[in-house]
Amino acid sequence: MRRHGFTLIELLVVIAIIAILAAILFP
């Protein structure tokens, strides 16, 4: 059941990971 691009949940997960990495790399 995959479509082109990201699903909303995948997009939220990616944003969360980027936010955590940003918090670690730029304290």
PDB file of N, CA and C in Angstrom:
ATOM      1  N   MET A   1       0.845  -1.206   0.000  1.00  0.00           N
ATOM      2  CA  MET A   1       0.000   0.000   0.000  1.00  0.00           C
ATOM      3  C   MET A   1       0.878   1.252   0.000  1.00  0.00           C
ATOM      4  N   ARG A   2       1.911   1.236  -0.820  1.00  0.00           N
ATOM      5  CA  ARG A   2       2.789   2.409  -0.849  1.00  0.00           C
ATOM      6  C   ARG A   2       2.431   3.304  -2.020  1.00  0.00           C
ATOM      7  N   ARG A   3       2.497   4.587  -1.761  1.00  0.00           N
ATOM      8  CA  ARG A   3       2.262   5.567  -2.817  1.00  0.00           C
ATOM      9  C   ARG A   3       3.517   6.395  -3.000  1.00  0.00           C
ATOM     10  N   HIS A   4       3.463   7.312  -3.942  1.00  0.00           N
ATOM     11  CA  HIS A   4       4.635   8.155  -4.181  1.00  0.00           C
ATOM     12  C   HIS A   4       4.834   9.111  -3.014  1.00  0.00           C
ATOM     13  N   GLY A   5       6.095   9.316  -2.632  1.00  0.00           N
ATOM     14  CA  GLY A   5       6.389  10.237  -1.547  1.00  0.00           C
ATOM     15  C   GLY A   5       6.227   9.588  -0.183  1.00  0.00           C
ATOM     16  N   PHE A   6       6.173  10.450   0.826  1.00  0.00           N
ATOM     17  CA  PHE A   6       6.071   9.964   2.193  1.00  0.00           C
ATOM     18  C   PHE A   6       4.632  10.006   2.676  1.00  0.00           C
ATOM     19  N   THR A   7       4.320   9.124   3.617  1.00  0.00           N
ATOM     20  CA  THR A   7       3.030   9.225   4.287  1.00  0.00           C
ATOM     21  C   THR A   7       3.160  10.242   5.413  1.00  0.00           C
ATOM     22  N   LEU A   8       2.052  10.631   5.993  1.00  0.00           N
ATOM     23  CA  LEU A   8       2.083  11.646   7.046  1.00  0.00           C
ATOM     24  C   LEU A   8       2.894  11.154   8.242  1.00  0.00           C
ATOM     25  N   ILE A   9       2.714   9.896   8.600  1.00  0.00           N
ATOM     26  CA  ILE A   9       3.445   9.347   9.751  1.00  0.00           C
ATOM     27  C   ILE A   9       4.939   9.329   9.479  1.00  0.00           C
ATOM     28  N   GLU A  10       5.336   8.905   8.284  1.00  0.00           N
ATOM     29  CA  GLU A  10       6.763   8.885   7.945  1.00  0.00           C
ATOM     30  C   GLU A  10       7.330  10.286   7.984  1.00  0.00           C
ATOM     31  N   LEU A  11       6.557  11.263   7.493  1.00  0.00           N
ATOM     32  CA  LEU A  11       7.025  12.648   7.497  1.00  0.00           C
ATOM     33  C   LEU A  11       7.230  13.137   8.926  1.00  0.00           C
ATOM     34  N   LEU A  12       6.293  12.804   9.818  1.00  0.00           N
ATOM     35  CA  LEU A  12       6.422  13.221  11.217  1.00  0.00           C
ATOM     36  C   LEU A  12       7.628  12.566  11.872  1.00  0.00           C
ATOM     37  N   VAL A  13       7.884  11.301  11.554  1.00  0.00           N
ATOM     38  CA  VAL A  13       9.040  10.606  12.125  1.00  0.00           C
ATOM     39  C   VAL A  13      10.332  11.254  11.653  1.00  0.00           C
ATOM     40  N   VAL A  14      10.414  11.565  10.370  1.00  0.00           N
ATOM     41  CA  VAL A  14      11.616  12.205   9.826  1.00  0.00           C
ATOM     42  C   VAL A  14      11.840  13.558  10.489  1.00  0.00           C
ATOM     43  N   ILE A  15      10.775  14.336  10.656  1.00  0.00           N
ATOM     44  CA  ILE A  15      10.903  15.648  11.298  1.00  0.00           C
ATOM     45  C   ILE A  15      11.380  15.483  12.739  1.00  0.00           C
ATOM     46  N   ALA A  16      10.855  14.491  13.442  1.00  0.00           N
ATOM     47  CA  ALA A  16      11.260  14.260  14.831  1.00  0.00           C
ATOM     48  C   ALA A  16      12.738  13.895  14.905  1.00  0.00           C
ATOM     49  N   ILE A  17      13.195  13.029  14.004  1.00  0.00           N
ATOM     50  CA  ILE A  17      14.605  12.628  14.003  1.00  0.00           C
ATOM     51  C   ILE A  17      15.496  13.827  13.709  1.00  0.00           C
ATOM     52  N   ILE A  18      15.115  14.635  12.736  1.00  0.00           N
ATOM     53  CA  ILE A  18      15.909  15.820  12.402  1.00  0.00           C
ATOM     54  C   ILE A  18      15.957  16.776  13.592  1.00  0.00           C
ATOM     55  N   ALA A  19      14.841  16.936  14.288  1.00  0.00           N
ATOM     56  CA  ALA A  19      14.800  17.838  15.441  1.00  0.00           C
ATOM     57  C   ALA A  19      15.724  17.336  16.549  1.00  0.00           C
ATOM     58  N   ILE A  20      15.736  16.032  16.785  1.00  0.00           N
ATOM     59  CA  ILE A  20      16.606  15.462  17.820  1.00  0.00           C
ATOM     60  C   ILE A  20      18.069  15.631  17.432  1.00  0.00           C
ATOM     61  N   LEU A  21      18.397  15.342  16.183  1.00  0.00           N
ATOM     62  CA  LEU A  21      19.777  15.498  15.724  1.00  0.00           C
ATOM     63  C   LEU A  21      20.207  16.952  15.817  1.00  0.00           C
ATOM     64  N   ALA A  22      19.328  17.873  15.479  1.00  0.00           N
ATOM     65  CA  ALA A  22      19.657  19.294  15.554  1.00  0.00           C
ATOM     66  C   ALA A  22      19.913  19.698  17.000  1.00  0.00           C
ATOM     67  N   ALA A  23      19.126  19.160  17.929  1.00  0.00           N
ATOM     68  CA  ALA A  23      19.305  19.495  19.344  1.00  0.00           C
ATOM     69  C   ALA A  23      20.637  18.962  19.864  1.00  0.00           C
ATOM     70  N   ILE A  24      21.063  17.816  19.330  1.00  0.00           N
ATOM     71  CA  ILE A  24      22.332  17.227  19.775  1.00  0.00           C
ATOM     72  C   ILE A  24      23.517  17.956  19.141  1.00  0.00           C
ATOM     73  N   LEU A  25      23.415  18.242  17.859  1.00  0.00           N
ATOM     74  CA  LEU A  25      24.545  18.846  17.147  1.00  0.00           C
ATOM     75  C   LEU A  25      24.693  20.328  17.461  1.00  0.00           C
ATOM     76  N   PHE A  26      23.582  21.003  17.758  1.00  0.00           N
ATOM     77  CA  PHE A  26      23.625  22.447  18.018  1.00  0.00           C
ATOM     78  C   PHE A  26      23.020  22.759  19.379  1.00  0.00           C
ATOM     79  N   PRO A  27      23.777  22.507  20.446  1.00  0.00           N
ATOM     80  CA  PRO A  27      23.253  22.712  21.811  1.00  0.00           C
ATOM     81  C   PRO A  27      23.146  24.195  22.164  1.00  0.00           C
TER      82      PRO A  27
END
